[in-house]
Amino acid sequence: MQNKTVLVTGSSRGIGKAIAIKYAKEGFSVIINCAHGEDELLAVKKEIESYHVSCLSFLGDISNYDVAAELFQLIYNTFGHLDILINNAGISYIGLFTEMSPSDWHKVIDTNLTSVFNCSRLATPDMISRKCGKIINISSVWGSVGASCEVAYSASKGGINAFTKALAKELAPSNIQVNAIACGAIDTEMNGFLSKEDKASLIEEIPSNRIGNPAEVGELVYQLTYGNDYLTGQIIHLDGGWI
């Protein structure tokens, strides 16, 4: 696995960090990224390197195409190719739709959806030329069913789901698989606004009777990219039976 490379966007904490650590444990060279929080990112880099694998960290907002292009140039200059792309970068916005500003809307859409376009667009030419590659997009159950007071977030994740299905069809002849994981309630800082009582009420709605953890997402992501060459265009719900 030492020659295999994976890029995990939004990997300074939470789900992205867990995914990056999983690949490091499996011997991959790992590229990590976030837009803010350099100290957190460097801490993840140090942890990854403790598994005796290469780690490239990049601080920058990949919702900006030029910044994403800079990242990919660095990847190709360092490793020569990218085997796996995990589009995980994302933010949430909780609030009434009628109180949401246009700038808030664009920030959510750009961070959650445009970054997926940017990185996929920059990764695919090399993958196509090599006739191999895996892309996993981290989505949400709200992309499938929508959530009150999370219109922009739900729209961005619904866009990711449609993007996944369409791109999978286009890239399948080149032996590139594109899938998405629609996460349910996962124990990350994004859900930190929930009170103890809110979490208890949420758990009552989940048949598995618990909130998921980031490591479980990391395990599933890895499983989907290890073989499974006939699995593509799928939106896989990891939600404990919630939705």
Protein backbone atom coordinates (compact mmCIF):
# COMPACT_ATOMS: atom_id res chain seq x y z
CA MET A 1 0.00 0.00 0.00
CA GLN A 2 2.96 2.32 0.33
CA ASN A 3 2.57 3.72 -3.18
CA LYS A 4 -1.16 4.37 -2.76
CA THR A 5 -2.29 7.95 -2.15
CA VAL A 6 -5.49 9.41 -0.72
CA LEU A 7 -6.69 12.98 -0.33
CA VAL A 8 -9.16 13.69 2.46
CA THR A 9 -10.57 17.20 2.41
CA GLY A 10 -11.75 18.84 5.63
CA SER A 11 -9.57 16.49 7.65
CA SER A 12 -8.42 18.50 10.66
CA ARG A 13 -11.12 16.97 12.89
CA GLY A 14 -14.24 14.86 13.05
CA ILE A 15 -15.14 12.53 10.19
CA GLY A 16 -12.34 13.75 7.93
CA LYS A 17 -9.71 13.14 10.59
CA ALA A 18 -11.05 9.65 11.27
CA ILE A 19 -10.95 8.80 7.57
CA ALA A 20 -7.39 10.09 7.20
CA ILE A 21 -6.20 8.11 10.25
CA LYS A 22 -7.82 4.92 8.90
CA TYR A 23 -5.93 5.19 5.62
CA ALA A 24 -2.69 5.93 7.46
CA LYS A 25 -3.16 2.74 9.48
CA GLU A 26 -3.59 0.87 6.19
CA GLY A 27 -0.28 2.20 4.85
CA PHE A 28 -1.48 4.90 2.45
CA SER A 29 0.30 8.17 1.82
CA VAL A 30 -2.25 10.70 3.06
CA ILE A 31 -2.94 14.27 1.97
CA ILE A 32 -4.94 16.29 4.49
CA ASN A 33 -6.55 19.70 4.15
CA CYS A 34 -8.63 22.30 5.90
CA ALA A 35 -9.46 25.96 5.34
CA HIS A 36 -8.79 27.09 8.92
CA GLY A 37 -7.17 25.68 12.03
CA GLU A 38 -3.57 25.06 11.07
CA ASP A 39 -2.64 23.81 14.55
CA GLU A 40 -5.31 21.11 14.39
CA LEU A 41 -4.20 20.11 10.91
CA LEU A 42 -0.57 19.80 11.94
CA ALA A 43 -1.60 17.69 14.95
CA VAL A 44 -3.39 15.30 12.57
CA LYS A 45 -0.30 15.24 10.35
CA LYS A 46 1.85 14.27 13.33
CA GLU A 47 -0.56 11.47 14.25
CA ILE A 48 -0.61 10.16 10.68
CA GLU A 49 3.18 10.15 10.50
CA SER A 50 3.28 8.06 13.67
CA TYR A 51 2.10 5.19 11.46
CA HIS A 52 5.28 5.58 9.38
CA VAL A 53 3.56 6.85 6.24
CA SER A 54 3.98 10.06 4.26
CA CYS A 55 1.62 12.92 5.00
CA LEU A 56 1.19 16.14 3.07
CA SER A 57 -0.84 18.89 4.76
CA PHE A 58 -2.36 21.86 2.93
CA LEU A 59 -4.08 24.84 4.52
CA GLY A 60 -6.45 26.51 2.06
CA ASP A 61 -10.07 27.01 1.05
CA ILE A 62 -10.69 24.46 -1.70
CA SER A 63 -14.07 26.00 -2.55
CA ASN A 64 -11.84 28.39 -4.50
CA TYR A 65 -10.81 26.60 -7.71
CA ASP A 66 -7.39 28.28 -7.89
CA VAL A 67 -6.58 27.21 -4.33
CA ALA A 68 -7.73 23.65 -5.08
CA ALA A 69 -5.55 23.67 -8.22
CA GLU A 70 -2.58 24.68 -6.08
CA LEU A 71 -3.25 21.71 -3.80
CA PHE A 72 -3.43 19.25 -6.68
CA GLN A 73 -0.27 20.58 -8.27
CA LEU A 74 1.45 19.97 -4.94
CA ILE A 75 0.03 16.44 -4.81
CA TYR A 76 1.23 15.56 -8.30
CA ASN A 77 4.63 17.14 -7.73
CA THR A 78 5.05 15.16 -4.49
CA PHE A 79 3.48 11.79 -5.25
CA GLY A 80 2.95 11.78 -9.02
CA HIS A 81 -0.66 10.64 -8.83
CA LEU A 82 -3.78 10.40 -6.65
CA ASP A 83 -5.53 7.06 -6.19
CA ILE A 84 -8.44 8.02 -3.94
CA LEU A 85 -10.31 11.28 -3.41
CA ILE A 86 -12.50 11.71 -0.33
CA ASN A 87 -14.62 14.86 -0.61
CA ASN A 88 -15.45 15.50 3.03
CA ALA A 89 -15.10 19.28 3.57
CA GLY A 90 -18.33 20.77 4.83
CA ILE A 91 -20.03 23.25 7.12
CA SER A 92 -23.54 23.51 8.51
CA TYR A 93 -25.98 26.36 8.97
CA ILE A 94 -28.84 26.08 11.45
CA GLY A 95 -31.55 28.72 11.22
CA LEU A 96 -34.78 29.82 9.63
CA PHE A 97 -34.65 30.04 5.85
CA THR A 98 -36.31 33.47 5.99
CA GLU A 99 -33.41 34.76 8.08
CA MET A 100 -30.65 33.34 5.90
CA SER A 101 -28.58 35.86 3.97
CA PRO A 102 -27.39 35.32 0.40
CA SER A 103 -23.80 35.30 1.65
CA ASP A 104 -24.62 32.53 4.15
CA TRP A 105 -26.27 30.54 1.35
CA HIS A 106 -23.27 30.85 -0.94
CA LYS A 107 -20.84 29.97 1.84
CA VAL A 108 -22.63 26.68 2.53
CA ILE A 109 -23.07 25.78 -1.14
CA ASP A 110 -19.50 26.70 -2.03
CA THR A 111 -17.93 24.87 0.90
CA ASN A 112 -20.08 21.74 0.67
CA LEU A 113 -20.77 21.37 -3.05
CA THR A 114 -18.47 23.56 -5.14
CA SER A 115 -15.45 22.05 -3.37
CA VAL A 116 -16.63 18.64 -4.56
CA PHE A 117 -16.69 19.89 -8.14
CA ASN A 118 -13.28 21.54 -7.80
CA CYS A 119 -11.47 18.51 -6.39
CA SER A 120 -13.24 15.99 -8.62
CA ARG A 121 -12.52 18.09 -11.70
CA LEU A 122 -8.84 18.28 -10.79
CA ALA A 123 -8.52 14.60 -9.85
CA THR A 124 -10.30 12.94 -12.76
CA PRO A 125 -8.01 13.68 -15.75
CA ASP A 126 -5.14 11.74 -14.15
CA MET A 127 -7.47 8.96 -13.01
CA ILE A 128 -8.93 8.67 -16.50
CA SER A 129 -5.48 8.46 -18.06
CA ARG A 130 -4.54 5.65 -15.63
CA LYS A 131 -7.95 3.92 -15.93
CA CYS A 132 -8.36 3.64 -12.18
CA GLY A 133 -9.49 5.69 -9.21
CA LYS A 134 -12.04 5.98 -6.43
CA ILE A 135 -14.06 9.01 -5.35
CA ILE A 136 -16.12 9.00 -2.16
CA ASN A 137 -18.32 11.98 -1.35
CA ILE A 138 -19.41 12.47 2.26
CA SER A 139 -23.07 13.38 2.18
CA SER A 140 -25.90 13.40 4.73
CA VAL A 141 -29.31 11.88 5.26
CA TRP A 142 -30.63 15.43 4.93
CA GLY A 143 -29.57 15.32 1.29
CA SER A 144 -32.14 12.55 0.84
CA VAL A 145 -35.03 13.79 2.97
CA GLY A 146 -34.28 17.43 3.85
CA ALA A 147 -34.19 19.05 7.28
CA SER A 148 -36.17 21.97 8.64
CA CYS A 149 -33.93 24.97 9.40
CA GLU A 150 -31.15 23.40 7.32
CA VAL A 151 -32.29 24.27 3.81
CA ALA A 152 -28.90 25.24 2.40
CA TYR A 153 -27.15 22.27 4.01
CA SER A 154 -29.82 19.88 2.73
CA ALA A 155 -29.61 21.41 -0.76
CA SER A 156 -25.82 21.06 -0.82
CA LYS A 157 -25.97 17.42 0.22
CA GLY A 158 -28.78 16.67 -2.20
CA GLY A 159 -26.58 18.21 -4.88
CA ILE A 160 -23.73 15.92 -3.84
CA ASN A 161 -26.00 12.89 -4.19
CA ALA A 162 -27.04 13.84 -7.72
CA PHE A 163 -23.44 14.77 -8.60
CA THR A 164 -22.32 11.34 -7.39
CA LYS A 165 -24.83 9.43 -9.50
CA ALA A 166 -24.15 11.44 -12.64
CA LEU A 167 -20.36 11.42 -12.42
CA ALA A 168 -20.36 7.69 -11.67
CA LYS A 169 -22.07 7.00 -15.00
CA GLU A 170 -19.64 9.22 -16.86
CA LEU A 171 -16.51 7.72 -15.31
CA ALA A 172 -17.52 4.06 -15.18
CA PRO A 173 -16.07 3.30 -18.66
CA SER A 174 -12.71 4.52 -17.31
CA ASN A 175 -12.86 2.10 -14.35
CA ILE A 176 -13.36 4.91 -11.84
CA GLN A 177 -15.96 4.39 -9.11
CA VAL A 178 -17.87 7.27 -7.52
CA ASN A 179 -20.03 6.69 -4.44
CA ALA A 180 -21.39 8.71 -1.52
CA ILE A 181 -21.98 8.00 2.14
CA ALA A 182 -25.03 9.74 3.55
CA CYS A 183 -24.25 10.03 7.23
CA GLY A 184 -26.87 10.17 9.91
CA ALA A 185 -26.19 11.55 13.39
CA ILE A 186 -22.44 11.27 13.96
CA ASP A 187 -20.70 12.40 17.15
CA THR A 188 -18.70 15.38 15.84
CA GLU A 189 -18.28 19.05 16.70
CA MET A 190 -20.85 19.86 14.00
CA ASN A 191 -23.48 18.42 16.35
CA GLY A 192 -21.97 20.09 19.40
CA PHE A 193 -24.83 22.57 19.60
CA LEU A 194 -27.18 19.81 20.79
CA SER A 195 -27.95 19.80 24.49
CA LYS A 196 -27.85 16.59 26.53
CA GLU A 197 -31.65 16.48 26.35
CA ASP A 198 -31.65 17.06 22.59
CA LYS A 199 -29.20 14.19 22.09
CA ALA A 200 -31.34 11.89 24.22
CA SER A 201 -34.42 12.75 22.16
CA LEU A 202 -32.48 12.19 18.95
CA ILE A 203 -31.24 8.79 20.08
CA GLU A 204 -34.83 7.75 20.78
CA GLU A 205 -35.55 8.25 17.06
CA ILE A 206 -32.65 6.04 15.92
CA PRO A 207 -33.43 2.30 15.78
CA SER A 208 -29.81 1.43 16.65
CA ASN A 209 -30.34 3.47 19.84
CA ARG A 210 -27.11 5.45 19.57
CA ILE A 211 -25.27 8.12 17.64
CA GLY A 212 -22.58 6.93 15.25
CA ASN A 213 -18.90 7.72 15.67
CA PRO A 214 -16.43 9.09 13.10
CA ALA A 215 -14.31 5.92 13.12
CA GLU A 216 -17.28 3.97 11.76
CA VAL A 217 -17.45 6.35 8.81
CA GLY A 218 -13.72 5.89 8.26
CA GLU A 219 -14.11 2.11 8.22
CA LEU A 220 -16.93 2.22 5.66
CA VAL A 221 -15.06 4.67 3.42
CA TYR A 222 -12.04 2.39 3.39
CA GLN A 223 -14.15 -0.69 2.66
CA LEU A 224 -15.77 1.03 -0.31
CA THR A 225 -12.41 1.93 -1.83
CA TYR A 226 -10.77 -1.45 -1.25
CA GLY A 227 -11.89 -3.38 -4.30
CA ASN A 228 -15.63 -3.09 -5.04
CA ASP A 229 -14.94 -2.13 -8.65
CA TYR A 230 -18.54 -2.92 -9.68
CA LEU A 231 -20.07 -0.70 -7.00
CA THR A 232 -20.59 2.82 -8.31
CA GLY A 233 -23.19 5.58 -8.32
CA GLN A 234 -24.55 4.57 -4.92
CA ILE A 235 -25.72 6.71 -2.00
CA ILE A 236 -25.10 4.53 1.03
CA HIS A 237 -26.89 5.55 4.21
CA LEU A 238 -24.92 5.12 7.43
CA ASP A 239 -27.52 6.13 9.97
CA GLY A 240 -28.39 3.25 12.28
CA GLY A 241 -31.72 2.78 10.48
CA TRP A 242 -32.79 6.35 11.25
CA ILE A 243 -34.04 7.46 7.82
